[in-house]
Amino acid sequence: MKDDKKGPLHTKSYQFAIEIVRLCQQLSAVKKEYILSKQIIRSGTAIGSLIREAEFASSRLEFIYKLTLSLKEANETIYWLHLLFDTDYITKLQFEKLKPECEVLISMLVTSIKTAKSNT
């Protein structure tokens, strides 16, 4: 999906979701791991889908609520990344690539939520 009119949060969350899907494909194919990969694909892709829902919120409060849910999913995704790394399902290289990307999303979401709250 290429949409230059969308903001960086929209774009970064979508790219992150792609990387999570690819990670889960690899976990299933190579490691034959299905339980943890279902957890991280759910939380890792929910980040972007909740951001999309927020874009069409019917009120500022709903917008803030959807972004807050997205923030929670991003935090959960970091938990699953740590667990996958600490149990040797993903490499240090994979972990060190995905964790900072998720932390950037968290930072962007926190800023967006604070901005939206200050404008109410």
Protein backbone atom coordinates (compact mmCIF):
# COMPACT_ATOMS: atom_id res chain seq x y z
CA MET A 1 0.00 0.00 0.00
CA LYS A 2 1.55 3.24 -1.08
CA ASP A 3 -0.21 6.39 -0.04
CA ASP A 4 1.96 9.49 0.16
CA LYS A 5 -0.94 11.57 1.48
CA LYS A 6 -1.01 9.72 4.80
CA GLY A 7 1.08 10.80 7.75
CA PRO A 8 4.16 9.13 9.19
CA LEU A 9 2.21 7.27 11.90
CA HIS A 10 -0.06 5.75 9.26
CA THR A 11 2.91 4.76 7.08
CA LYS A 12 5.18 3.47 9.85
CA SER A 13 2.46 1.37 11.45
CA TYR A 14 1.65 -0.24 8.11
CA GLN A 15 5.30 -1.00 7.37
CA PHE A 16 5.69 -2.43 10.86
CA ALA A 17 2.66 -4.67 10.29
CA ILE A 18 4.25 -5.99 7.10
CA GLU A 19 7.43 -6.85 9.01
CA ILE A 20 5.41 -8.61 11.72
CA VAL A 21 3.52 -10.65 9.12
CA ARG A 22 6.81 -11.66 7.51
CA LEU A 23 8.24 -12.58 10.91
CA CYS A 24 5.23 -14.79 11.61
CA GLN A 25 5.53 -16.43 8.20
CA GLN A 26 9.13 -17.26 9.04
CA LEU A 27 8.25 -18.49 12.53
CA SER A 28 5.62 -20.83 11.11
CA ALA A 29 7.68 -22.10 8.18
CA VAL A 30 11.10 -22.44 9.79
CA LYS A 31 10.52 -22.81 13.52
CA LYS A 32 7.10 -24.49 13.29
CA GLU A 33 5.92 -22.06 15.97
CA TYR A 34 2.23 -21.19 15.87
CA ILE A 35 1.04 -20.11 19.32
CA LEU A 36 3.33 -17.14 20.03
CA SER A 37 3.29 -16.07 16.40
CA LYS A 38 -0.51 -15.76 16.56
CA GLN A 39 -0.16 -13.49 19.57
CA ILE A 40 2.40 -11.16 17.99
CA ILE A 41 0.63 -11.02 14.64
CA ARG A 42 -2.58 -10.00 16.41
CA SER A 43 -0.98 -7.24 18.49
CA GLY A 44 1.56 -6.13 15.88
CA THR A 45 -1.01 -5.66 13.13
CA ALA A 46 -3.65 -4.19 15.47
CA ILE A 47 -1.43 -1.13 15.97
CA GLY A 48 -2.02 0.09 12.44
CA SER A 49 -5.63 -1.04 12.18
CA LEU A 50 -6.54 0.96 15.29
CA ILE A 51 -4.74 3.99 13.89
CA ARG A 52 -6.89 3.62 10.74
CA GLU A 53 -10.00 3.41 12.90
CA ALA A 54 -8.94 6.58 14.70
CA GLU A 55 -8.70 8.41 11.37
CA PHE A 56 -12.48 8.06 11.00
CA ALA A 57 -13.43 8.59 14.62
CA SER A 58 -16.73 10.34 15.15
CA SER A 59 -15.34 12.47 17.98
CA ARG A 60 -12.08 13.61 19.52
CA LEU A 61 -12.71 11.31 22.49
CA GLU A 62 -13.13 8.32 20.19
CA PHE A 63 -9.96 9.36 18.33
CA ILE A 64 -8.01 9.44 21.61
CA TYR A 65 -9.53 6.12 22.68
CA LYS A 66 -8.51 4.35 19.45
CA LEU A 67 -4.97 5.72 19.63
CA THR A 68 -4.76 4.62 23.27
CA LEU A 69 -5.80 1.10 22.27
CA SER A 70 -3.14 1.18 19.55
CA LEU A 71 -0.57 2.23 22.16
CA LYS A 72 -1.54 -0.73 24.34
CA GLU A 73 -1.16 -3.10 21.38
CA ALA A 74 2.30 -1.67 20.65
CA ASN A 75 3.33 -2.23 24.25
CA GLU A 76 2.03 -5.81 24.08
CA THR A 77 3.98 -6.36 20.86
CA ILE A 78 7.21 -5.43 22.64
CA TYR A 79 6.37 -8.03 25.28
CA TRP A 80 5.99 -10.73 22.60
CA LEU A 81 9.23 -9.63 20.91
CA HIS A 82 11.08 -10.01 24.21
CA LEU A 83 9.53 -13.42 24.82
CA LEU A 84 10.34 -14.65 21.30
CA PHE A 85 13.92 -13.43 21.65
CA ASP A 86 14.45 -14.82 25.16
CA THR A 87 13.16 -18.24 24.05
CA ASP A 88 15.38 -18.29 20.95
CA TYR A 89 12.59 -18.09 18.39
CA ILE A 90 13.98 -14.89 16.87
CA THR A 91 17.55 -13.78 16.46
CA LYS A 92 19.22 -10.84 18.14
CA LEU A 93 19.28 -9.13 14.73
CA GLN A 94 15.52 -9.56 14.30
CA PHE A 95 14.86 -8.36 17.84
CA GLU A 96 17.16 -5.34 17.49
CA LYS A 97 15.41 -4.35 14.26
CA LEU A 98 11.79 -4.75 15.36
CA LYS A 99 11.91 -3.52 18.95
CA PRO A 100 13.18 0.00 18.10
CA GLU A 101 10.62 0.27 15.30
CA CYS A 102 7.87 -0.54 17.77
CA GLU A 103 9.33 1.92 20.29
CA VAL A 104 9.19 4.65 17.64
CA LEU A 105 5.51 3.85 17.10
CA ILE A 106 4.95 4.06 20.86
CA SER A 107 6.65 7.43 21.00
CA MET A 108 4.62 8.73 18.06
CA LEU A 109 1.38 7.45 19.60
CA VAL A 110 2.14 9.04 22.98
CA THR A 111 2.82 12.37 21.26
CA SER A 112 -0.35 12.11 19.17
CA ILE A 113 -2.47 11.28 22.22
CA LYS A 114 -0.98 14.15 24.23
CA THR A 115 -1.58 16.56 21.35
CA ALA A 116 -5.17 15.40 20.90
CA LYS A 117 -5.84 15.71 24.64
CA SER A 118 -4.38 19.22 24.80
CA ASN A 119 -6.66 20.31 21.95
CA THR A 120 -9.87 19.25 23.71
